[in-house]
Every structure is written in structure tokens, then in C-alpha cells.
Amino acid sequence: MTEHERVGSDRTRATRRVNAMHLGAFFSGLLWLTMLVTGSRAQPVELQNLNNAGILPTNLPLSDAVAVDGTLYLSGQLGVVPGTLELVPGGMEAEARQTMENIRQILRANDLDYEDLIKCTIMLADIDEWPAFNEVYAEMLTKPYPARSAFAASGLALNARVEVECIAHIGSLMLSRRTR
């Protein structure tokens, strides 16, 4: 690369940095102006830790769910017998069914149900059991299904076959699935 090409390349990078700074300043100013005109102020986030479903023993260092800004974040659930750390016997199908029942119990303890779910993350001890989990999942939930991801994990708590983590909407701004 010649000296002229290097200097030109440096100028191009410098120009891009300056343009990015101007764009950032523009959007910061736009945000400030919007807040000024609308009178909006940053509000503190209200966070609630909820342990009202009785799924897991109370001495564990986690919450059943945490509610913040109209969203309920459920801790990952296993197919345990409520109130214990014992997995239900019967393998994937039984664990999947109990896991989904535990999720429903947490949702209902917070005046919600499956139709309020917006995202579920499925963790499987063996990805080959994905079809078996899907059968139970599709049986227990109805369309429209929440968004979902699934992946295999190298080990789940209590040697479980499946763990499911969900997010539910608790605010009134979103159209309820019940009315669709």
C-alpha cells in the first residue's frame, strides 16, 4: 500500500468515526427533546421476586419467577414432584408433562396461564428426545404457540431429561391471546 493509499484509508476511517459520533449525538438529542416535550422521566424499575407456587423447596437460592415491567420471567423448571427435589419417574414423557404442569402452577399462582407465555427455552439432556418432548408440549399448549428455542445441554440439574424456562406477559398493553 502506498503512502497516499494509507493516508486516504486513514481519512476514510476517521470520517466514519466522526459520522458515527454525529449520528450518536443526533439520536441523544432527539431522545432528550422527546423527553422534554412529553415530560417523561426515567422511572425506577419495579422488581418483584415471586415464590408463591410451592414447586421447589424454599431453601433454594432462586425465585419461582421475577416480575419486572409487565413481564414475568420464570426460573427453569424440571419435572419434579412439587415441594421436593425428586424427579417424577417415567423418563422424558413423564418429566416433560410434570415440567409443563409446574410451569402452569407458577403461572396460575400469578393469575396467568399458558396463553400468556411469549417465549420458552427448552433444554434437553439428549437432543434425540426432542420429538418426545414436542408431543407433550403440543398437547399441553394450544396455538398460537409462544416463541421457542431448544438445545441440548451436557447436564441438567438432578440429572433431569428436560428443563424449560419461560417468559410470560403480565401487562395490559398486549392484546390477549384469549381474544384472538
N, C-alpha and C. Protein backbone atom coordinates (compact mmCIF):
# COMPACT_ATOMS: atom_id res chain seq x y z
N MET A 1 0.86 -1.16 0.00
CA MET A 1 0.00 0.00 0.00
C MET A 1 0.91 1.23 0.00
N THR A 2 0.62 2.14 -0.88
CA THR A 2 1.42 3.36 -0.96
C THR A 2 1.06 4.30 0.18
N GLU A 3 1.91 5.29 0.40
CA GLU A 3 1.66 6.29 1.46
C GLU A 3 0.34 7.02 1.18
N HIS A 4 0.09 7.34 -0.08
CA HIS A 4 -1.15 8.04 -0.46
C HIS A 4 -2.38 7.18 -0.15
N GLU A 5 -2.31 5.86 -0.45
CA GLU A 5 -3.44 4.97 -0.18
C GLU A 5 -3.66 4.81 1.33
N ARG A 6 -2.55 4.73 2.11
CA ARG A 6 -2.66 4.57 3.56
C ARG A 6 -3.30 5.81 4.17
N VAL A 7 -2.87 7.00 3.76
CA VAL A 7 -3.43 8.25 4.28
C VAL A 7 -4.90 8.35 3.91
N GLY A 8 -5.23 7.98 2.68
CA GLY A 8 -6.63 8.00 2.24
C GLY A 8 -7.48 7.05 3.06
N SER A 9 -6.96 5.86 3.34
CA SER A 9 -7.67 4.87 4.14
C SER A 9 -7.87 5.37 5.57
N ASP A 10 -6.82 5.99 6.15
CA ASP A 10 -6.93 6.56 7.49
C ASP A 10 -7.98 7.65 7.54
N ARG A 11 -8.03 8.49 6.50
CA ARG A 11 -9.03 9.57 6.46
C ARG A 11 -10.44 9.00 6.38
N THR A 12 -10.61 7.94 5.60
CA THR A 12 -11.92 7.30 5.47
C THR A 12 -12.38 6.77 6.82
N ARG A 13 -11.48 6.09 7.54
CA ARG A 13 -11.84 5.59 8.88
C ARG A 13 -12.16 6.72 9.83
N ALA A 14 -11.38 7.78 9.79
CA ALA A 14 -11.62 8.94 10.65
C ALA A 14 -12.96 9.58 10.33
N THR A 15 -13.28 9.68 9.04
CA THR A 15 -14.56 10.26 8.63
C THR A 15 -15.72 9.40 9.14
N ARG A 16 -15.58 8.09 9.06
CA ARG A 16 -16.63 7.19 9.55
C ARG A 16 -16.81 7.35 11.05
N ARG A 17 -15.72 7.49 11.81
CA ARG A 17 -15.82 7.68 13.25
C ARG A 17 -16.52 8.98 13.57
N VAL A 18 -16.18 10.06 12.86
CA VAL A 18 -16.82 11.36 13.09
C VAL A 18 -18.30 11.28 12.74
N ASN A 19 -18.64 10.63 11.62
CA ASN A 19 -20.04 10.49 11.24
C ASN A 19 -20.81 9.69 12.29
N ALA A 20 -20.21 8.63 12.82
CA ALA A 20 -20.87 7.83 13.85
C ALA A 20 -21.08 8.65 15.11
N MET A 21 -20.10 9.49 15.47
CA MET A 21 -20.25 10.35 16.65
C MET A 21 -21.38 11.35 16.45
N HIS A 22 -21.46 11.93 15.25
CA HIS A 22 -22.53 12.89 14.95
C HIS A 22 -23.90 12.21 15.01
N LEU A 23 -23.98 11.00 14.48
CA LEU A 23 -25.24 10.27 14.49
C LEU A 23 -25.64 9.95 15.93
N GLY A 24 -24.70 9.53 16.76
CA GLY A 24 -24.98 9.26 18.17
C GLY A 24 -25.46 10.51 18.89
N ALA A 25 -24.81 11.64 18.63
CA ALA A 25 -25.21 12.90 19.24
C ALA A 25 -26.60 13.31 18.78
N PHE A 26 -26.90 13.07 17.50
CA PHE A 26 -28.22 13.40 16.96
C PHE A 26 -29.30 12.62 17.70
N PHE A 27 -29.11 11.30 17.84
CA PHE A 27 -30.13 10.49 18.50
C PHE A 27 -30.23 10.80 19.98
N SER A 28 -29.13 11.12 20.62
CA SER A 28 -29.19 11.53 22.03
C SER A 28 -29.99 12.82 22.17
N GLY A 29 -29.76 13.74 21.27
CA GLY A 29 -30.52 14.99 21.28
C GLY A 29 -31.99 14.77 21.00
N LEU A 30 -32.29 13.87 20.08
CA LEU A 30 -33.67 13.55 19.75
C LEU A 30 -34.38 12.93 20.95
N LEU A 31 -33.70 12.02 21.65
CA LEU A 31 -34.26 11.42 22.85
C LEU A 31 -34.50 12.48 23.92
N TRP A 32 -33.54 13.36 24.14
CA TRP A 32 -33.68 14.42 25.13
C TRP A 32 -34.86 15.33 24.77
N LEU A 33 -34.99 15.70 23.51
CA LEU A 33 -36.08 16.56 23.06
C LEU A 33 -37.43 15.88 23.26
N THR A 34 -37.52 14.59 22.94
CA THR A 34 -38.76 13.85 23.14
C THR A 34 -39.14 13.82 24.61
N MET A 35 -38.17 13.58 25.48
CA MET A 35 -38.45 13.57 26.91
C MET A 35 -38.88 14.94 27.39
N LEU A 36 -38.27 15.98 26.87
CA LEU A 36 -38.62 17.34 27.26
C LEU A 36 -40.05 17.68 26.83
N VAL A 37 -40.40 17.35 25.60
CA VAL A 37 -41.72 17.67 25.07
C VAL A 37 -42.81 16.84 25.76
N THR A 38 -42.56 15.56 25.98
CA THR A 38 -43.59 14.70 26.57
C THR A 38 -43.59 14.75 28.09
N GLY A 39 -42.57 15.31 28.66
CA GLY A 39 -42.49 15.38 30.12
C GLY A 39 -42.15 14.05 30.76
N SER A 40 -41.69 13.09 29.97
CA SER A 40 -41.39 11.78 30.55
C SER A 40 -40.07 11.81 31.28
N ARG A 41 -40.02 11.08 32.33
CA ARG A 41 -38.81 10.96 33.15
C ARG A 41 -38.53 9.46 33.31
N ALA A 42 -37.29 9.14 33.47
CA ALA A 42 -36.94 7.74 33.72
C ALA A 42 -37.54 7.33 35.05
N GLN A 43 -38.26 6.21 35.04
CA GLN A 43 -38.89 5.69 36.24
C GLN A 43 -38.06 4.52 36.77
N PRO A 44 -37.99 4.38 38.08
CA PRO A 44 -37.27 3.22 38.61
C PRO A 44 -38.01 1.94 38.23
N VAL A 45 -37.26 0.90 37.96
CA VAL A 45 -37.84 -0.39 37.59
C VAL A 45 -38.39 -1.05 38.84
N GLU A 46 -39.64 -1.50 38.76
CA GLU A 46 -40.25 -2.23 39.88
C GLU A 46 -40.01 -3.71 39.66
N LEU A 47 -39.35 -4.33 40.61
CA LEU A 47 -38.97 -5.74 40.50
C LEU A 47 -39.61 -6.51 41.65
N GLN A 48 -40.27 -7.62 41.34
CA GLN A 48 -40.88 -8.46 42.37
C GLN A 48 -40.36 -9.88 42.23
N ASN A 49 -39.80 -10.41 43.30
CA ASN A 49 -39.39 -11.81 43.32
C ASN A 49 -40.57 -12.61 43.87
N LEU A 50 -41.03 -13.60 43.12
CA LEU A 50 -42.24 -14.34 43.47
C LEU A 50 -41.91 -15.79 43.79
N ASN A 51 -42.30 -16.21 44.97
CA ASN A 51 -42.10 -17.59 45.40
C ASN A 51 -43.41 -18.09 45.99
N ASN A 52 -44.44 -18.13 45.17
CA ASN A 52 -45.76 -18.43 45.69
C ASN A 52 -46.39 -19.69 45.12
N ALA A 53 -45.64 -20.47 44.37
CA ALA A 53 -46.24 -21.64 43.73
C ALA A 53 -45.96 -22.94 44.47
N GLY A 54 -44.95 -22.95 45.34
CA GLY A 54 -44.65 -24.16 46.11
C GLY A 54 -44.06 -25.30 45.30
N ILE A 55 -43.47 -25.01 44.15
CA ILE A 55 -42.89 -26.07 43.32
C ILE A 55 -41.60 -26.60 43.95
N LEU A 56 -40.70 -25.69 44.30
CA LEU A 56 -39.41 -26.09 44.86
C LEU A 56 -39.33 -25.77 46.34
N PRO A 57 -38.52 -26.51 47.07
CA PRO A 57 -38.31 -26.17 48.48
C PRO A 57 -37.84 -24.72 48.61
N THR A 58 -38.24 -24.06 49.68
CA THR A 58 -37.95 -22.62 49.83
C THR A 58 -36.51 -22.32 50.20
N ASN A 59 -35.69 -23.33 50.50
CA ASN A 59 -34.30 -23.07 50.90
C ASN A 59 -33.35 -22.95 49.71
N LEU A 60 -33.87 -23.01 48.47
CA LEU A 60 -33.00 -22.89 47.30
C LEU A 60 -32.74 -21.42 46.97
N PRO A 61 -31.56 -21.11 46.44
CA PRO A 61 -31.19 -19.72 46.15
C PRO A 61 -31.74 -19.21 44.81
N LEU A 62 -33.06 -19.26 44.64
CA LEU A 62 -33.68 -18.77 43.41
C LEU A 62 -35.14 -18.44 43.69
N SER A 63 -35.73 -17.69 42.78
CA SER A 63 -37.15 -17.37 42.86
C SER A 63 -37.90 -18.22 41.84
N ASP A 64 -39.17 -18.54 42.14
CA ASP A 64 -40.01 -19.21 41.14
C ASP A 64 -40.04 -18.37 39.88
N ALA A 65 -40.21 -17.07 40.09
CA ALA A 65 -40.33 -16.13 38.97
C ALA A 65 -39.98 -14.74 39.47
N VAL A 66 -39.66 -13.87 38.52
CA VAL A 66 -39.41 -12.46 38.82
C VAL A 66 -40.25 -11.64 37.85
N ALA A 67 -41.02 -10.70 38.40
CA ALA A 67 -41.84 -9.82 37.57
C ALA A 67 -41.16 -8.46 37.49
N VAL A 68 -41.05 -7.95 36.26
CA VAL A 68 -40.47 -6.63 36.04
C VAL A 68 -41.07 -6.05 34.77
N ASP A 69 -41.53 -4.82 34.86
CA ASP A 69 -42.05 -4.08 33.70
C ASP A 69 -43.04 -4.88 32.85
N GLY A 70 -44.03 -5.48 33.47
CA GLY A 70 -45.07 -6.17 32.72
C GLY A 70 -44.67 -7.51 32.16
N THR A 71 -43.55 -8.05 32.63
CA THR A 71 -43.07 -9.34 32.14
C THR A 71 -42.74 -10.23 33.32
N LEU A 72 -43.14 -11.50 33.23
CA LEU A 72 -42.84 -12.48 34.25
C LEU A 72 -41.79 -13.44 33.70
N TYR A 73 -40.64 -13.50 34.36
CA TYR A 73 -39.55 -14.38 33.97
C TYR A 73 -39.55 -15.57 34.93
N LEU A 74 -39.85 -16.76 34.40
CA LEU A 74 -39.88 -17.95 35.23
C LEU A 74 -38.50 -18.59 35.28
N SER A 75 -38.12 -19.06 36.46
CA SER A 75 -36.89 -19.85 36.56
C SER A 75 -37.08 -21.14 35.79
N GLY A 76 -35.99 -21.74 35.35
CA GLY A 76 -36.08 -23.01 34.65
C GLY A 76 -36.76 -24.04 35.52
N GLN A 77 -37.67 -24.79 34.93
CA GLN A 77 -38.44 -25.79 35.68
C GLN A 77 -38.07 -27.19 35.22
N LEU A 78 -38.06 -28.10 36.18
CA LEU A 78 -37.78 -29.51 35.94
C LEU A 78 -39.05 -30.31 36.24
N GLY A 79 -39.03 -31.57 35.92
CA GLY A 79 -40.17 -32.44 36.20
C GLY A 79 -40.13 -33.00 37.61
N VAL A 80 -40.07 -32.12 38.60
CA VAL A 80 -40.03 -32.57 40.00
C VAL A 80 -41.43 -32.62 40.58
N VAL A 81 -41.60 -33.52 41.55
CA VAL A 81 -42.83 -33.56 42.32
C VAL A 81 -42.87 -32.26 43.13
N PRO A 82 -43.95 -31.46 43.04
CA PRO A 82 -43.99 -30.18 43.76
C PRO A 82 -43.63 -30.32 45.24
N GLY A 83 -42.81 -29.38 45.71
CA GLY A 83 -42.36 -29.35 47.10
C GLY A 83 -41.16 -30.22 47.39
N THR A 84 -40.65 -30.92 46.36
CA THR A 84 -39.50 -31.82 46.56
C THR A 84 -38.44 -31.53 45.50
N LEU A 85 -37.34 -32.23 45.61
CA LEU A 85 -36.31 -32.22 44.58
C LEU A 85 -36.24 -33.59 43.91
N GLU A 86 -37.37 -34.30 43.87
CA GLU A 86 -37.43 -35.63 43.28
C GLU A 86 -38.11 -35.56 41.92
N LEU A 87 -37.40 -36.06 40.90
CA LEU A 87 -37.99 -36.14 39.56
C LEU A 87 -39.08 -37.20 39.53
N VAL A 88 -40.11 -36.94 38.76
CA VAL A 88 -41.15 -37.96 38.58
C VAL A 88 -40.54 -39.13 37.82
N PRO A 89 -40.95 -40.34 38.13
CA PRO A 89 -40.43 -41.49 37.38
C PRO A 89 -41.12 -41.57 36.02
N GLY A 90 -40.46 -42.24 35.07
CA GLY A 90 -41.10 -42.47 33.79
C GLY A 90 -40.39 -41.89 32.60
N GLY A 91 -39.23 -41.26 32.79
CA GLY A 91 -38.45 -40.76 31.66
C GLY A 91 -38.97 -39.47 31.06
N MET A 92 -38.62 -39.25 29.80
CA MET A 92 -38.88 -37.97 29.13
C MET A 92 -40.35 -37.57 29.14
N GLU A 93 -41.24 -38.46 28.75
CA GLU A 93 -42.65 -38.06 28.67
C GLU A 93 -43.19 -37.63 30.03
N ALA A 94 -42.91 -38.39 31.06
CA ALA A 94 -43.39 -38.05 32.40
C ALA A 94 -42.75 -36.76 32.90
N GLU A 95 -41.45 -36.61 32.68
CA GLU A 95 -40.76 -35.39 33.12
C GLU A 95 -41.26 -34.17 32.36
N ALA A 96 -41.47 -34.32 31.05
CA ALA A 96 -41.96 -33.20 30.25
C ALA A 96 -43.34 -32.77 30.74
N ARG A 97 -44.22 -33.72 30.97
CA ARG A 97 -45.57 -33.42 31.44
C ARG A 97 -45.53 -32.71 32.80
N GLN A 98 -44.71 -33.23 33.73
CA GLN A 98 -44.63 -32.62 35.06
C GLN A 98 -43.98 -31.24 34.98
N THR A 99 -42.98 -31.09 34.13
CA THR A 99 -42.34 -29.78 33.94
C THR A 99 -43.37 -28.76 33.49
N MET A 100 -44.18 -29.12 32.49
CA MET A 100 -45.19 -28.20 31.98
C MET A 100 -46.27 -27.92 33.03
N GLU A 101 -46.62 -28.92 33.84
CA GLU A 101 -47.58 -28.70 34.93
C GLU A 101 -47.00 -27.75 35.98
N ASN A 102 -45.71 -27.89 36.28
CA ASN A 102 -45.07 -26.99 37.24
C ASN A 102 -45.08 -25.55 36.72
N ILE A 103 -44.84 -25.40 35.42
CA ILE A 103 -44.89 -24.07 34.80
C ILE A 103 -46.30 -23.50 34.93
N ARG A 104 -47.30 -24.32 34.62
CA ARG A 104 -48.68 -23.85 34.74
C ARG A 104 -49.00 -23.44 36.18
N GLN A 105 -48.51 -24.19 37.16
CA GLN A 105 -48.77 -23.87 38.56
C GLN A 105 -48.17 -22.51 38.93
N ILE A 106 -46.98 -22.23 38.45
CA ILE A 106 -46.36 -20.92 38.71
C ILE A 106 -47.15 -19.82 38.02
N LEU A 107 -47.54 -20.05 36.77
CA LEU A 107 -48.34 -19.06 36.05
C LEU A 107 -49.65 -18.79 36.78
N ARG A 108 -50.35 -19.84 37.17
CA ARG A 108 -51.64 -19.67 37.85
C ARG A 108 -51.50 -19.00 39.21
N ALA A 109 -50.40 -19.25 39.90
CA ALA A 109 -50.16 -18.57 41.18
C ALA A 109 -50.01 -17.07 40.98
N ASN A 110 -49.77 -16.67 39.74
CA ASN A 110 -49.62 -15.25 39.40
C ASN A 110 -50.72 -14.77 38.45
N ASP A 111 -51.88 -15.46 38.51
CA ASP A 111 -53.06 -15.11 37.70
C ASP A 111 -52.79 -15.14 36.20
N LEU A 112 -51.98 -16.07 35.75
CA LEU A 112 -51.67 -16.23 34.34
C LEU A 112 -51.89 -17.69 33.95
N ASP A 113 -51.74 -18.00 32.67
CA ASP A 113 -51.82 -19.37 32.20
C ASP A 113 -50.97 -19.50 30.94
N TYR A 114 -51.00 -20.67 30.31
CA TYR A 114 -50.16 -20.92 29.15
C TYR A 114 -50.32 -19.86 28.06
N GLU A 115 -51.53 -19.37 27.84
CA GLU A 115 -51.73 -18.41 26.74
C GLU A 115 -51.01 -17.09 26.98
N ASP A 116 -50.50 -16.86 28.19
CA ASP A 116 -49.74 -15.64 28.47
C ASP A 116 -48.25 -15.80 28.20
N LEU A 117 -47.82 -17.02 27.88
CA LEU A 117 -46.40 -17.25 27.57
C LEU A 117 -46.05 -16.58 26.25
N ILE A 118 -44.87 -15.94 26.24
CA ILE A 118 -44.40 -15.32 25.00
C ILE A 118 -43.11 -15.96 24.49
N LYS A 119 -42.37 -16.68 25.35
CA LYS A 119 -41.11 -17.30 24.94
C LYS A 119 -40.80 -18.45 25.89
N CYS A 120 -40.40 -19.58 25.34
CA CYS A 120 -39.94 -20.72 26.13
C CYS A 120 -38.60 -21.19 25.59
N THR A 121 -37.72 -21.55 26.49
CA THR A 121 -36.43 -22.12 26.11
C THR A 121 -36.38 -23.53 26.67
N ILE A 122 -36.16 -24.49 25.81
CA ILE A 122 -36.17 -25.90 26.17
C ILE A 122 -34.74 -26.41 26.19
N MET A 123 -34.33 -26.99 27.31
CA MET A 123 -33.00 -27.59 27.43
C MET A 123 -33.19 -29.09 27.60
N LEU A 124 -32.57 -29.85 26.75
CA LEU A 124 -32.72 -31.31 26.75
C LEU A 124 -31.39 -31.97 27.08
N ALA A 125 -31.45 -33.02 27.88
CA ALA A 125 -30.24 -33.78 28.17
C ALA A 125 -29.77 -34.53 26.92
N ASP A 126 -30.72 -34.87 26.05
CA ASP A 126 -30.40 -35.59 24.81
C ASP A 126 -31.29 -35.03 23.71
N ILE A 127 -30.70 -34.40 22.71
CA ILE A 127 -31.47 -33.76 21.64
C ILE A 127 -32.31 -34.78 20.87
N ASP A 128 -31.95 -36.05 20.93
CA ASP A 128 -32.75 -37.09 20.27
C ASP A 128 -34.14 -37.23 20.91
N GLU A 129 -34.32 -36.68 22.11
CA GLU A 129 -35.62 -36.73 22.79
C GLU A 129 -36.50 -35.53 22.46
N TRP A 130 -36.04 -34.69 21.53
CA TRP A 130 -36.80 -33.51 21.12
C TRP A 130 -38.19 -33.88 20.62
N PRO A 131 -38.36 -34.90 19.75
CA PRO A 131 -39.71 -35.25 19.30
C PRO A 131 -40.64 -35.68 20.45
N ALA A 132 -40.11 -36.43 21.41
CA ALA A 132 -40.93 -36.87 22.55
C ALA A 132 -41.37 -35.67 23.38
N PHE A 133 -40.47 -34.71 23.58
CA PHE A 133 -40.85 -33.50 24.31
C PHE A 133 -41.92 -32.73 23.53
N ASN A 134 -41.72 -32.60 22.23
CA ASN A 134 -42.67 -31.85 21.40
C ASN A 134 -44.09 -32.40 21.48
N GLU A 135 -44.23 -33.73 21.56
CA GLU A 135 -45.56 -34.32 21.66
C GLU A 135 -46.29 -33.82 22.90
N VAL A 136 -45.60 -33.83 24.03
CA VAL A 136 -46.21 -33.38 25.28
C VAL A 136 -46.48 -31.87 25.22
N TYR A 137 -45.51 -31.13 24.73
CA TYR A 137 -45.62 -29.66 24.65
C TYR A 137 -46.83 -29.27 23.79
N ALA A 138 -46.96 -29.88 22.63
CA ALA A 138 -48.06 -29.55 21.71
C ALA A 138 -49.41 -29.99 22.28
N GLU A 139 -49.40 -31.01 23.10
CA GLU A 139 -50.64 -31.48 23.74
C GLU A 139 -51.09 -30.51 24.84
N MET A 140 -50.15 -29.92 25.54
CA MET A 140 -50.49 -29.09 26.70
C MET A 140 -50.71 -27.62 26.34
N LEU A 141 -50.07 -27.14 25.29
CA LEU A 141 -50.26 -25.76 24.86
C LEU A 141 -51.09 -25.75 23.58
N THR A 142 -51.73 -24.63 23.32
CA THR A 142 -52.51 -24.52 22.10
C THR A 142 -51.99 -23.37 21.26
N LYS A 143 -52.35 -23.39 19.97
CA LYS A 143 -51.94 -22.31 19.06
C LYS A 143 -52.66 -21.04 19.46
N PRO A 144 -52.06 -19.91 19.27
CA PRO A 144 -50.71 -19.69 18.77
C PRO A 144 -49.68 -19.97 19.87
N TYR A 145 -48.68 -20.74 19.53
CA TYR A 145 -47.64 -21.11 20.49
C TYR A 145 -46.72 -19.92 20.75
N PRO A 146 -46.09 -19.91 21.93
CA PRO A 146 -45.08 -18.87 22.18
C PRO A 146 -43.84 -19.12 21.32
N ALA A 147 -43.02 -18.09 21.18
CA ALA A 147 -41.72 -18.26 20.53
C ALA A 147 -40.95 -19.29 21.35
N ARG A 148 -40.02 -19.99 20.68
CA ARG A 148 -39.36 -21.08 21.40
C ARG A 148 -37.98 -21.36 20.83
N SER A 149 -37.09 -21.78 21.71
CA SER A 149 -35.76 -22.27 21.33
C SER A 149 -35.57 -23.60 22.04
N ALA A 150 -34.75 -24.45 21.47
CA ALA A 150 -34.42 -25.72 22.11
C ALA A 150 -32.97 -26.07 21.82
N PHE A 151 -32.31 -26.63 22.82
CA PHE A 151 -30.93 -27.07 22.62
C PHE A 151 -30.60 -28.19 23.60
N ALA A 152 -29.56 -28.93 23.29
CA ALA A 152 -29.09 -29.99 24.17
C ALA A 152 -28.07 -29.42 25.13
N ALA A 153 -28.15 -29.87 26.37
CA ALA A 153 -27.20 -29.45 27.41
C ALA A 153 -26.40 -30.67 27.84
N SER A 154 -25.18 -30.44 28.29
CA SER A 154 -24.34 -31.58 28.67
C SER A 154 -24.70 -32.13 30.04
N GLY A 155 -25.59 -31.48 30.74
CA GLY A 155 -26.04 -31.97 32.04
C GLY A 155 -27.04 -31.00 32.64
N LEU A 156 -28.14 -31.52 33.13
CA LEU A 156 -29.17 -30.69 33.76
C LEU A 156 -29.22 -31.02 35.25
N ALA A 157 -29.71 -30.10 36.04
CA ALA A 157 -29.82 -30.30 37.49
C ALA A 157 -30.61 -31.58 37.78
N LEU A 158 -30.23 -32.28 38.81
CA LEU A 158 -30.88 -33.51 39.28
C LEU A 158 -30.87 -34.62 38.22
N ASN A 159 -30.01 -34.49 37.22
CA ASN A 159 -29.97 -35.44 36.10
C ASN A 159 -31.30 -35.52 35.35
N ALA A 160 -31.97 -34.38 35.27
CA ALA A 160 -33.26 -34.31 34.58
C ALA A 160 -33.06 -34.53 33.08
N ARG A 161 -34.12 -34.93 32.41
CA ARG A 161 -34.12 -35.11 30.96
C ARG A 161 -34.42 -33.79 30.26
N VAL A 162 -35.18 -32.91 30.95
CA VAL A 162 -35.62 -31.66 30.33
C VAL A 162 -35.73 -30.56 31.38
N GLU A 163 -35.41 -29.34 30.96
CA GLU A 163 -35.64 -28.14 31.77
C GLU A 163 -36.25 -27.11 30.82
N VAL A 164 -37.26 -26.40 31.32
CA VAL A 164 -37.95 -25.41 30.50
C VAL A 164 -37.98 -24.08 31.25
N GLU A 165 -37.54 -23.04 30.57
CA GLU A 165 -37.52 -21.69 31.12
C GLU A 165 -38.48 -20.85 30.26
N CYS A 166 -39.35 -20.07 30.90
CA CYS A 166 -40.36 -19.33 30.15
C CYS A 166 -40.42 -17.86 30.54
N ILE A 167 -40.98 -17.08 29.63
CA ILE A 167 -41.26 -15.67 29.86
C ILE A 167 -42.74 -15.47 29.52
N ALA A 168 -43.45 -14.78 30.40
CA ALA A 168 -44.88 -14.52 30.19
C ALA A 168 -45.14 -13.02 30.26
N HIS A 169 -46.16 -12.60 29.55
CA HIS A 169 -46.56 -11.19 29.55
C HIS A 169 -47.65 -10.98 30.59
N ILE A 170 -47.45 -10.01 31.49
CA ILE A 170 -48.45 -9.75 32.53
C ILE A 170 -49.07 -8.37 32.41
N GLY A 171 -48.61 -7.58 31.43
CA GLY A 171 -49.14 -6.24 31.27
C GLY A 171 -50.44 -6.23 30.49
N SER A 172 -51.12 -5.09 30.50
CA SER A 172 -52.41 -4.98 29.82
C SER A 172 -52.29 -4.36 28.43
N LEU A 173 -51.08 -3.96 27.99
CA LEU A 173 -50.93 -3.31 26.70
C LEU A 173 -50.97 -4.28 25.54
N MET A 174 -50.56 -5.53 25.77
CA MET A 174 -50.53 -6.53 24.70
C MET A 174 -51.92 -7.14 24.54
N LEU A 175 -52.35 -7.34 23.28
CA LEU A 175 -53.63 -8.00 23.06
C LEU A 175 -53.57 -9.40 23.63
N SER A 176 -54.57 -9.77 24.39
CA SER A 176 -54.61 -11.09 24.95
C SER A 176 -54.87 -12.13 23.88
N ARG A 177 -54.22 -13.27 23.99
CA ARG A 177 -54.45 -14.35 23.03
C ARG A 177 -55.88 -14.86 23.16
N ARG A 178 -56.48 -14.64 24.32
CA ARG A 178 -57.85 -15.12 24.55
C ARG A 178 -58.84 -14.46 23.61
N THR A 179 -58.53 -13.25 23.13
CA THR A 179 -59.47 -12.52 22.28
C THR A 179 -59.15 -12.66 20.81
N ARG A 180 -58.11 -13.40 20.45
CA ARG A 180 -57.75 -13.55 19.03
C ARG A 180 -58.51 -14.68 18.40
